[in-house]
Amino acid sequence: MKKIHHEFTAGNGRAGIQKRKVLIADDDETSRRVFGHFVSKMGYEAIMVNDGRECVQTMAEESPDVVLLDINMPVLDGFEVMQHAKSQNDTTPIIIITASHEIPSAVKCIKLGAYEYLTKPLNIDRLEIVMRNALQDSSLQSQVKMLKKELKSCKLFENIIGKSPAIKAAMTQAMQVMETGLNVLILGESGTGKELFAEAIHRGSRRSSGPFVSVNCAAISSSLADSILFGHAKGSFTGAGSDHMGYFEQADQGTIFLDEIGDMGSDIQAKVLRVIQERKIRRVGEKQERKTDFRVISATNRNFNDAIRDGQFREDLYYRLEEFPLFLPALRERPEDIPLLCRHFLDEFSSANNLGKITMSDTALSASENHRWPGNIRELKNAVQRAAVTRKDDVIETLEPNIIPGSMKPAYAPPALLPPAAEYGLQPSDSPDTNSYSLEEHEREAILKAYKAALGNLTKTAGILGIGRATLYRKLDKFGLEYLKTG
């Protein structure tokens, strides 16, 4: 039988407002209709089912605010429904309505967590009072549950700074999956905080009391992979002076975090797949297998579609890892978080280095929001710290390009952004006639100007020109300026 939703809106002032849901589970059609009419008249939405299995399914699908439950029903009886609800930590108030007046049945229901035990024929006034109390308690429990969830979120994500919709969505997804046993694959560019999210998921999981073992897959060589990941026995190879527990065994009852999983060697992937499937490891030099119980969280900045297509990553391992994908936004996708991060990194760095109170101007914060930050949070942190070190006073007026790693301006460029004609010390009034100079002559002149601006320091000269020191040496020889090497 399909679930029946019954509503009554006339005269109750609740039209257009989301109604509280009351699930009625009774195999007697007359009882269902009577209770349904009564519930609707009170202004609630009545959902009616006729057996225990439907009741369990509907509780999961509809999340009712209260359940009116009969004991004697087909497929699953009322006791079994309550046992299931208890096993799922479902706190929905359940009001038993039954024809049974047996005291043992009432005692059993109360022990299973029933909110109230009412017998037929039913006193409607009594039912109305019990229902109102149950719905009020349900509302309070929902508020408490929400507050607990918010407090838990604040604690778990205390190291993740941000209020943007993009980062909040990622936190919400992490909260949804953390208490499950699903393997999580965190996808995002380098520097977006993948390990911080992995640690938060572990701390919020049922394995939080177990170890969190972080493994940099890119740093594992093929020759040492078996020993590092699965362990080895004493004397199993030269240099094995004692037994060694591998990373997967260390993660027993906890979480193993496989960072940069996309860079794992193809010969190691098959072994890792087997361990994830069977939850057993064999140390190098041993014959017996050891059971280990762990959860896998992995992370990568690689495109798995390309890696799988090119045969660099096993498709079957990918599907084992990606039971729940979690996408982290790049910093440029959450610009409203950049000022918060700037202030956080600045306060943190100032406190750690006894620099006193340092602030950033609104201009500097606004400019930081407009930068794309290809290195994401890690790059921003570096820029803020370097700005704190090179500041002129207690207010940072700008994050100069020369202190933004990877920016277009070389590290030793003068502080101000100069027009092209003056970039190497030439003023508009003494700029040469470009028609009388060849490209090589322009280049030679630029080297001389940069050399002068750098006060004869070749490393700074190369920095001003945006080239490497070795390239500068070749150009000095090319243009007959080799004497500058000894200047």
Protein backbone atom coordinates (compact mmCIF):
# COMPACT_ATOMS: atom_id res chain seq x y z
CA MET A 1 0.00 0.00 0.00
CA LYS A 2 1.33 3.46 -0.87
CA LYS A 3 1.75 6.11 1.79
CA ILE A 4 -1.26 8.42 2.05
CA HIS A 5 -0.64 12.11 2.83
CA HIS A 6 -3.73 13.78 4.25
CA GLU A 7 -4.01 17.53 4.99
CA PHE A 8 -6.69 19.72 6.48
CA THR A 9 -6.28 23.49 6.02
CA ALA A 10 -9.72 25.05 6.45
CA GLY A 11 -9.99 27.21 9.53
CA ASN A 12 -6.62 26.30 11.02
CA GLY A 13 -4.60 29.29 9.79
CA ARG A 14 -1.75 27.07 8.63
CA ALA A 15 -2.19 27.22 4.86
CA GLY A 16 1.09 27.94 3.09
CA ILE A 17 3.14 27.04 6.19
CA GLN A 18 5.16 23.84 6.33
CA LYS A 19 3.17 21.47 8.53
CA ARG A 20 4.52 19.21 11.25
CA LYS A 21 4.34 15.60 10.07
CA VAL A 22 2.55 12.85 11.99
CA LEU A 23 3.12 9.26 10.80
CA ILE A 24 0.20 6.90 11.51
CA ALA A 25 1.07 3.19 11.30
CA ASP A 26 -1.94 0.90 11.81
CA ASP A 27 -3.18 -2.12 9.85
CA ASP A 28 -6.80 -1.23 10.55
CA GLU A 29 -8.13 1.09 7.83
CA THR A 30 -10.88 2.57 10.00
CA SER A 31 -8.40 3.48 12.74
CA ARG A 32 -6.08 5.06 10.20
CA ARG A 33 -8.84 7.22 8.77
CA VAL A 34 -10.10 8.32 12.19
CA PHE A 35 -6.61 9.21 13.43
CA GLY A 36 -5.78 10.84 10.10
CA HIS A 37 -8.84 13.08 10.27
CA PHE A 38 -8.11 13.99 13.88
CA VAL A 39 -4.44 14.80 13.17
CA SER A 40 -5.31 16.90 10.12
CA LYS A 41 -7.94 18.79 12.09
CA MET A 42 -5.23 19.73 14.58
CA GLY A 43 -3.38 21.35 11.69
CA TYR A 44 -0.72 18.68 11.08
CA GLU A 45 0.10 16.64 7.99
CA ALA A 46 -0.99 13.01 8.39
CA ILE A 47 1.04 10.29 6.66
CA MET A 48 -0.61 6.86 6.82
CA VAL A 49 0.89 3.37 6.32
CA ASN A 50 -0.52 -0.06 7.08
CA ASP A 51 2.45 -2.23 8.12
CA GLY A 52 5.71 -2.09 10.06
CA ARG A 53 8.06 -2.25 7.10
CA GLU A 54 6.40 0.75 5.46
CA CYS A 55 6.60 2.54 8.79
CA VAL A 56 10.38 2.01 9.00
CA GLN A 57 10.87 3.15 5.38
CA THR A 58 8.66 6.22 5.87
CA MET A 59 10.47 7.24 9.05
CA ALA A 60 13.71 7.28 7.05
CA GLU A 61 12.25 9.05 4.01
CA GLU A 62 9.88 11.59 5.57
CA SER A 63 11.49 12.31 8.97
CA PRO A 64 8.14 12.71 10.77
CA ASP A 65 7.85 14.79 13.93
CA VAL A 66 5.89 12.13 15.80
CA VAL A 67 4.69 8.54 15.15
CA LEU A 68 1.36 6.99 16.16
CA LEU A 69 2.17 3.25 16.17
CA ASP A 70 0.06 0.14 16.52
CA ILE A 71 1.71 -2.99 17.99
CA ASN A 72 -0.02 -5.74 16.03
CA MET A 73 0.84 -5.18 12.37
CA PRO A 74 1.94 -7.41 9.48
CA VAL A 75 5.55 -7.83 8.23
CA LEU A 76 7.07 -5.98 11.22
CA ASP A 77 5.17 -5.43 14.46
CA GLY A 78 5.37 -2.34 16.64
CA PHE A 79 8.09 -3.82 18.86
CA GLU A 80 10.33 -4.46 15.85
CA VAL A 81 9.73 -0.94 14.54
CA MET A 82 10.82 0.54 17.87
CA GLN A 83 13.88 -1.74 18.02
CA HIS A 84 14.89 -0.57 14.57
CA ALA A 85 14.40 3.09 15.51
CA LYS A 86 16.53 2.55 18.62
CA SER A 87 19.32 0.91 16.60
CA GLN A 88 19.34 3.89 14.23
CA ASN A 89 19.46 6.41 17.10
CA ASP A 90 16.16 7.82 15.85
CA THR A 91 14.77 10.10 18.55
CA THR A 92 11.37 10.68 16.94
CA PRO A 93 8.66 10.41 19.67
CA ILE A 94 6.62 7.22 19.24
CA ILE A 95 3.14 7.06 20.77
CA ILE A 96 1.78 3.53 21.03
CA ILE A 97 -1.93 3.19 20.26
CA THR A 98 -3.10 -0.40 20.70
CA ALA A 99 -6.01 -2.56 21.73
CA SER A 100 -3.75 -4.53 24.06
CA HIS A 101 -4.23 -3.77 27.77
CA GLU A 102 -1.50 -6.19 28.87
CA ILE A 103 0.92 -4.63 31.34
CA PRO A 104 3.98 -6.58 30.05
CA SER A 105 3.41 -5.11 26.58
CA ALA A 106 3.24 -1.61 27.99
CA VAL A 107 6.43 -2.16 30.02
CA LYS A 108 8.25 -3.53 26.97
CA CYS A 109 7.21 -0.52 24.87
CA ILE A 110 8.39 1.96 27.47
CA LYS A 111 11.74 0.14 27.75
CA LEU A 112 12.13 0.35 23.98
CA GLY A 113 11.68 4.10 24.19
CA ALA A 114 7.97 4.71 23.56
CA TYR A 115 6.91 8.24 24.47
CA GLU A 116 3.46 7.11 25.69
CA TYR A 117 1.28 3.98 25.71
CA LEU A 118 -2.42 4.57 24.92
CA THR A 119 -5.10 1.91 24.58
CA LYS A 120 -8.22 1.67 22.44
CA PRO A 121 -10.97 2.83 22.60
CA LEU A 122 -9.04 6.06 22.54
CA ASN A 123 -9.74 9.18 24.52
CA ILE A 124 -9.28 11.88 21.88
CA ASP A 125 -8.67 14.64 24.40
CA ARG A 126 -5.93 12.55 26.01
CA LEU A 127 -4.37 11.88 22.59
CA GLU A 128 -4.39 15.60 21.77
CA ILE A 129 -2.54 16.46 24.98
CA VAL A 130 0.03 13.68 24.49
CA MET A 131 0.59 14.67 20.88
CA ARG A 132 1.10 18.34 21.70
CA ASN A 133 3.60 17.43 24.41
CA ALA A 134 5.39 14.99 22.11
CA LEU A 135 5.65 17.56 19.32
CA GLN A 136 6.90 20.19 21.75
CA ASP A 137 9.57 17.79 23.05
CA SER A 138 10.45 16.85 19.48
CA SER A 139 10.92 20.52 18.59
CA LEU A 140 13.17 21.09 21.60
CA GLN A 141 15.21 17.98 20.78
CA SER A 142 15.62 19.17 17.20
CA GLN A 143 16.90 22.54 18.42
CA VAL A 144 19.31 20.87 20.83
CA LYS A 145 20.49 18.53 18.08
CA MET A 146 21.06 21.48 15.74
CA LEU A 147 22.98 23.41 18.39
CA LYS A 148 25.14 20.37 19.15
CA LYS A 149 25.85 19.97 15.46
CA GLU A 150 26.85 23.63 15.16
CA LEU A 151 29.12 23.36 18.21
CA LYS A 152 30.67 20.20 16.83
CA SER A 153 31.21 21.88 13.47
CA CYS A 154 32.91 24.88 15.12
CA LYS A 155 35.22 22.60 17.07
CA LEU A 156 36.07 20.28 14.18
CA PHE A 157 36.69 23.06 11.66
CA GLU A 158 38.39 25.51 14.03
CA ASN A 159 41.52 25.46 11.84
CA ILE A 160 39.58 26.16 8.65
CA ILE A 161 38.98 29.89 8.21
CA GLY A 162 36.08 31.02 6.06
CA LYS A 163 32.44 31.99 5.85
CA SER A 164 31.87 31.86 2.08
CA PRO A 165 29.11 29.63 0.65
CA ALA A 166 31.78 27.57 -1.15
CA ILE A 167 33.73 26.63 1.98
CA LYS A 168 30.56 26.18 4.04
CA ALA A 169 29.25 23.73 1.44
CA ALA A 170 32.48 21.72 1.73
CA MET A 171 32.16 21.69 5.53
CA THR A 172 28.54 20.53 5.29
CA GLN A 173 29.54 17.65 3.00
CA ALA A 174 32.34 16.70 5.38
CA MET A 175 29.88 16.69 8.31
CA GLN A 176 27.50 14.47 6.35
CA VAL A 177 30.11 11.79 5.62
CA MET A 178 32.32 11.87 8.72
CA GLU A 179 30.18 9.59 10.89
CA THR A 180 29.81 6.98 8.16
CA GLY A 181 32.40 4.39 7.21
CA LEU A 182 32.72 5.55 3.61
CA ASN A 183 36.13 6.13 2.08
CA VAL A 184 36.52 9.81 1.16
CA LEU A 185 38.42 11.21 -1.81
CA ILE A 186 39.25 14.90 -1.34
CA LEU A 187 39.79 16.74 -4.62
CA GLY A 188 41.26 20.21 -4.91
CA GLU A 189 44.18 22.29 -6.07
CA SER A 190 47.43 22.35 -4.15
CA GLY A 191 47.22 24.55 -1.06
CA THR A 192 43.42 24.37 -0.55
CA GLY A 193 43.58 22.62 2.85
CA LYS A 194 42.97 18.98 1.96
CA GLU A 195 44.83 17.58 4.96
CA LEU A 196 42.97 19.91 7.35
CA PHE A 197 39.67 18.54 6.05
CA ALA A 198 40.95 14.96 6.33
CA GLU A 199 41.89 15.54 9.98
CA ALA A 200 38.49 17.14 10.68
CA ILE A 201 36.66 14.17 9.17
CA HIS A 202 38.72 11.79 11.30
CA ARG A 203 38.11 13.77 14.51
CA GLY A 204 34.37 13.79 13.86
CA SER A 205 34.16 10.08 13.02
CA ARG A 206 33.53 7.04 15.20
CA ARG A 207 37.25 6.31 14.81
CA SER A 208 38.33 9.56 16.45
CA SER A 209 39.92 7.72 19.38
CA GLY A 210 42.09 5.76 16.93
CA PRO A 211 45.21 6.99 15.11
CA PHE A 212 45.31 9.37 12.15
CA VAL A 213 48.17 8.23 9.93
CA SER A 214 49.21 10.61 7.14
CA VAL A 215 51.12 9.22 4.16
CA ASN A 216 52.68 11.27 1.36
CA CYS A 217 52.25 8.88 -1.55
CA ALA A 218 54.41 10.99 -3.88
CA ALA A 219 57.42 10.43 -1.59
CA ILE A 220 57.21 6.62 -1.55
CA SER A 221 59.66 4.90 -3.88
CA SER A 222 58.75 1.56 -5.44
CA SER A 223 61.70 -0.20 -3.78
CA LEU A 224 60.61 0.79 -0.25
CA ALA A 225 56.84 0.80 -0.72
CA ASP A 226 56.16 -2.69 0.67
CA SER A 227 58.15 -2.04 3.83
CA ILE A 228 56.76 1.47 4.41
CA LEU A 229 53.11 0.64 3.74
CA PHE A 230 52.85 -2.95 4.98
CA GLY A 231 55.83 -3.35 7.34
CA HIS A 232 58.65 -5.89 7.52
CA ALA A 233 60.02 -8.58 9.80
CA LYS A 234 63.42 -8.42 11.43
CA GLY A 235 66.11 -9.77 9.11
CA SER A 236 63.85 -9.82 6.05
CA PHE A 237 66.41 -7.78 4.13
CA THR A 238 69.72 -6.04 4.69
CA GLY A 239 69.26 -3.28 7.22
CA ALA A 240 66.04 -4.70 8.70
CA GLY A 241 67.37 -4.81 12.26
CA SER A 242 63.94 -4.99 13.90
CA ASP A 243 60.30 -5.60 13.16
CA HIS A 244 58.57 -2.65 11.52
CA MET A 245 54.85 -1.86 11.51
CA GLY A 246 53.70 -0.37 8.19
CA TYR A 247 51.36 2.58 7.77
CA PHE A 248 48.24 0.47 7.15
CA GLU A 249 48.84 -1.53 10.31
CA GLN A 250 49.56 1.65 12.28
CA ALA A 251 46.14 2.95 11.19
CA ASP A 252 44.29 -0.01 12.77
CA GLN A 253 41.03 1.22 14.39
CA GLY A 254 41.72 4.67 12.93
CA THR A 255 42.16 6.49 9.63
CA ILE A 256 44.89 6.37 7.02
CA PHE A 257 45.24 9.54 4.94
CA LEU A 258 46.78 8.88 1.52
CA ASP A 259 47.89 12.34 0.42
CA GLU A 260 48.84 12.92 -3.24
CA ILE A 261 47.31 9.53 -4.08
CA GLY A 262 47.35 10.47 -7.77
CA ASP A 263 51.17 10.33 -7.70
CA MET A 264 51.34 6.77 -6.35
CA GLY A 265 53.32 4.44 -8.57
CA SER A 266 51.31 2.04 -10.72
CA ASP A 267 53.13 -1.00 -9.30
CA ILE A 268 52.10 -0.02 -5.75
CA GLN A 269 48.46 0.62 -6.66
CA ALA A 270 47.56 -3.07 -7.09
CA LYS A 271 48.92 -3.90 -3.62
CA VAL A 272 47.06 -1.00 -2.00
CA LEU A 273 43.84 -2.06 -3.74
CA ARG A 274 44.16 -5.58 -2.30
CA VAL A 275 44.71 -4.28 1.23
CA ILE A 276 41.70 -1.94 1.00
CA GLN A 277 39.51 -4.77 -0.31
CA GLU A 278 40.58 -7.49 2.12
CA ARG A 279 41.63 -5.44 5.15
CA LYS A 280 44.66 -7.71 5.55
CA ILE A 281 48.38 -7.00 5.26
CA ARG A 282 51.46 -9.20 5.05
CA ARG A 283 54.73 -7.81 6.32
CA VAL A 284 57.81 -8.30 4.16
CA GLY A 285 59.50 -11.51 5.31
CA GLU A 286 56.40 -12.99 6.94
CA LYS A 287 54.02 -15.66 5.69
CA GLN A 288 50.99 -15.01 7.83
CA GLU A 289 48.54 -12.20 7.15
CA ARG A 290 47.45 -9.70 9.76
CA LYS A 291 43.97 -8.22 9.95
CA THR A 292 43.70 -4.46 10.21
CA ASP A 293 40.65 -2.22 10.40
CA PHE A 294 41.00 1.27 8.96
CA ARG A 295 39.19 3.96 7.03
CA VAL A 296 40.76 5.51 3.96
CA ILE A 297 40.75 9.23 3.24
CA SER A 298 42.76 10.18 0.17
CA ALA A 299 43.53 13.45 -1.59
CA THR A 300 44.85 14.61 -4.92
CA ASN A 301 45.12 17.65 -7.15
CA ARG A 302 45.34 15.52 -10.27
CA ASN A 303 42.70 14.91 -12.93
CA PHE A 304 41.81 11.24 -12.50
CA ASN A 305 40.03 11.08 -15.85
CA ASP A 306 43.29 11.78 -17.65
CA ALA A 307 45.31 9.50 -15.36
CA ILE A 308 42.92 6.56 -15.84
CA ARG A 309 42.70 7.13 -19.59
CA ASP A 310 46.49 7.22 -19.89
CA GLY A 311 46.89 4.07 -17.80
CA GLN A 312 48.64 5.89 -14.96
CA PHE A 313 46.00 5.09 -12.36
CA ARG A 314 43.91 1.96 -11.82
CA GLU A 315 40.21 2.51 -12.36
CA ASP A 316 39.23 -0.16 -9.81
CA LEU A 317 41.35 1.51 -7.12
CA TYR A 318 39.79 4.88 -7.98
CA TYR A 319 36.29 3.55 -7.34
CA ARG A 320 37.41 2.08 -4.02
CA LEU A 321 38.76 5.44 -2.93
CA GLU A 322 35.93 7.57 -4.29
CA GLU A 323 33.03 6.20 -2.26
CA PHE A 324 32.38 9.82 -1.31
CA PRO A 325 34.05 12.63 -3.28
CA LEU A 326 34.65 15.94 -1.50
CA PHE A 327 35.56 18.96 -3.64
CA LEU A 328 37.46 21.84 -2.04
CA PRO A 329 37.15 25.26 -3.68
CA ALA A 330 40.20 27.17 -4.88
CA LEU A 331 40.88 30.43 -3.03
CA ARG A 332 39.86 32.48 -6.08
CA GLU A 333 36.40 30.85 -5.81
CA ARG A 334 35.95 32.19 -2.27
CA PRO A 335 37.32 35.77 -2.43
CA GLU A 336 35.21 36.90 0.54
CA ASP A 337 37.33 34.63 2.75
CA ILE A 338 40.64 36.23 1.74
CA PRO A 339 40.46 39.21 4.18
CA LEU A 340 39.63 36.80 7.01
CA LEU A 341 42.60 34.63 6.12
CA CYS A 342 44.89 37.65 5.80
CA ARG A 343 44.00 38.88 9.28
CA HIS A 344 44.29 35.38 10.74
CA PHE A 345 47.74 34.73 9.26
CA LEU A 346 48.93 38.22 10.20
CA ASP A 347 47.80 37.90 13.83
CA GLU A 348 49.23 34.40 14.08
CA PHE A 349 52.61 35.41 12.63
CA SER A 350 52.83 38.63 14.66
CA SER A 351 52.09 36.80 17.91
CA ALA A 352 54.57 33.99 17.21
CA ASN A 353 57.36 36.46 16.40
CA ASN A 354 56.59 39.18 18.97
CA LEU A 355 56.02 41.80 16.28
CA GLY A 356 53.31 43.65 18.16
CA LYS A 357 50.00 44.69 16.65
CA ILE A 358 50.13 44.82 12.84
CA THR A 359 47.14 45.55 10.64
CA MET A 360 46.40 45.61 6.93
CA SER A 361 44.84 48.57 5.21
CA ASP A 362 41.50 48.27 3.44
CA THR A 363 43.33 48.91 0.18
CA ALA A 364 45.64 45.98 0.79
CA LEU A 365 42.75 43.69 1.71
CA SER A 366 40.77 44.76 -1.34
CA ALA A 367 43.77 44.14 -3.61
CA SER A 368 44.30 40.70 -2.10
CA GLU A 369 40.72 39.75 -3.01
CA ASN A 370 41.38 40.57 -6.66
CA HIS A 371 44.53 38.41 -6.95
CA ARG A 372 44.00 34.88 -8.30
CA TRP A 373 46.39 33.18 -5.85
CA PRO A 374 47.41 30.16 -7.96
CA GLY A 375 49.10 28.69 -4.87
CA ASN A 376 45.87 29.14 -2.89
CA ILE A 377 45.96 29.42 0.92
CA ARG A 378 49.61 28.41 1.17
CA GLU A 379 50.63 31.20 -1.21
CA LEU A 380 48.49 33.77 0.59
CA LYS A 381 50.02 32.82 3.94
CA ASN A 382 53.54 33.25 2.54
CA ALA A 383 52.65 36.64 1.10
CA VAL A 384 51.17 37.91 4.38
CA GLN A 385 54.15 36.72 6.41
CA ARG A 386 56.63 38.33 4.04
CA ALA A 387 54.63 41.55 4.08
CA ALA A 388 54.82 41.55 7.87
CA VAL A 389 58.60 41.20 7.74
CA THR A 390 59.19 43.92 5.10
CA ARG A 391 56.61 46.44 6.36
CA LYS A 392 57.60 50.07 6.97
CA ASP A 393 55.25 50.65 9.90
CA ASP A 394 52.47 48.89 11.78
CA VAL A 395 50.04 49.10 8.85
CA ILE A 396 50.61 47.00 5.73
CA GLU A 397 49.45 49.21 2.87
CA THR A 398 49.79 46.68 0.07
CA LEU A 399 50.87 43.16 -0.73
CA GLU A 400 53.51 44.22 -3.24
CA PRO A 401 53.96 41.96 -6.26
CA ASN A 402 57.57 41.39 -5.28
CA ILE A 403 56.46 39.60 -2.11
CA ILE A 404 53.74 37.53 -3.79
CA PRO A 405 55.30 34.17 -4.72
CA GLY A 406 54.86 33.27 -8.36
CA SER A 407 53.72 36.75 -9.36
CA MET A 408 54.68 38.47 -12.58
CA LYS A 409 57.27 40.74 -10.95
CA PRO A 410 60.75 39.44 -10.02
CA ALA A 411 61.72 39.10 -6.37
CA TYR A 412 64.25 41.97 -6.43
CA ALA A 413 62.20 44.48 -8.42
CA PRO A 414 61.92 48.03 -7.02
CA PRO A 415 58.84 48.49 -4.78
CA ALA A 416 56.90 50.70 -7.17
CA LEU A 417 55.40 49.47 -10.42
CA LEU A 418 57.10 51.54 -13.14
CA PRO A 419 55.95 52.14 -16.72
CA PRO A 420 57.75 49.99 -19.34
CA ALA A 421 60.06 52.82 -20.47
CA ALA A 422 61.32 53.39 -16.95
CA GLU A 423 61.35 49.80 -15.65
CA TYR A 424 65.12 49.58 -15.70
CA GLY A 425 65.89 53.14 -14.62
CA LEU A 426 65.19 55.01 -17.91
CA GLN A 427 63.12 58.18 -17.63
CA PRO A 428 60.82 59.25 -20.49
CA SER A 429 63.07 62.25 -21.22
CA ASP A 430 66.17 60.15 -21.79
CA SER A 431 64.52 57.16 -23.46
CA PRO A 432 66.38 56.31 -26.66
CA ASP A 433 64.84 56.46 -30.09
CA THR A 434 63.53 52.94 -30.55
CA ASN A 435 64.01 53.14 -34.30
CA SER A 436 67.78 53.55 -33.90
CA TYR A 437 68.19 50.57 -31.56
CA SER A 438 68.16 46.88 -32.46
CA LEU A 439 66.57 44.35 -30.10
CA GLU A 440 70.01 43.22 -28.93
CA GLU A 441 71.03 46.80 -28.20
CA HIS A 442 67.88 47.27 -26.13
CA GLU A 443 68.69 44.09 -24.22
CA ARG A 444 72.29 45.16 -23.60
CA GLU A 445 71.14 48.56 -22.37
CA ALA A 446 68.60 46.94 -20.05
CA ILE A 447 71.30 44.73 -18.52
CA LEU A 448 73.52 47.75 -17.85
CA LYS A 449 70.68 49.72 -16.26
CA ALA A 450 69.66 46.77 -14.11
CA TYR A 451 73.29 46.21 -13.08
CA LYS A 452 73.48 49.85 -12.01
CA ALA A 453 70.19 49.66 -10.11
CA ALA A 454 71.42 46.52 -8.31
CA LEU A 455 74.65 48.28 -7.32
CA GLY A 456 76.73 45.65 -9.06
CA ASN A 457 75.06 42.63 -7.42
CA LEU A 458 74.59 40.05 -10.19
CA THR A 459 72.01 38.02 -8.30
CA LYS A 460 69.84 41.13 -7.88
CA THR A 461 70.55 42.10 -11.50
CA ALA A 462 69.18 38.75 -12.67
CA GLY A 463 66.18 39.22 -10.38
CA ILE A 464 65.40 42.67 -11.79
CA LEU A 465 65.57 41.27 -15.32
CA GLY A 466 63.47 38.25 -14.40
CA ILE A 467 66.07 35.72 -15.59
CA GLY A 468 68.28 33.16 -13.90
CA ARG A 469 71.86 33.89 -12.90
CA ALA A 470 73.22 31.37 -15.45
CA THR A 471 71.20 33.06 -18.22
CA LEU A 472 72.58 36.44 -17.18
CA TYR A 473 76.16 35.11 -17.41
CA ARG A 474 75.54 33.88 -20.97
CA LYS A 475 74.16 37.26 -21.98
CA LEU A 476 77.13 39.07 -20.42
CA ASP A 477 79.44 36.99 -22.60
CA LYS A 478 77.23 37.52 -25.65
CA PHE A 479 77.21 41.32 -25.35
CA GLY A 480 80.88 41.71 -24.37
CA LEU A 481 80.03 42.55 -20.78
CA GLU A 482 81.93 39.68 -19.18
CA TYR A 483 83.99 42.21 -17.23
CA LEU A 484 80.92 42.83 -15.04
CA LYS A 485 81.40 39.35 -13.52
CA THR A 486 84.39 40.61 -11.62
CA GLY A 487 82.98 44.06 -10.94
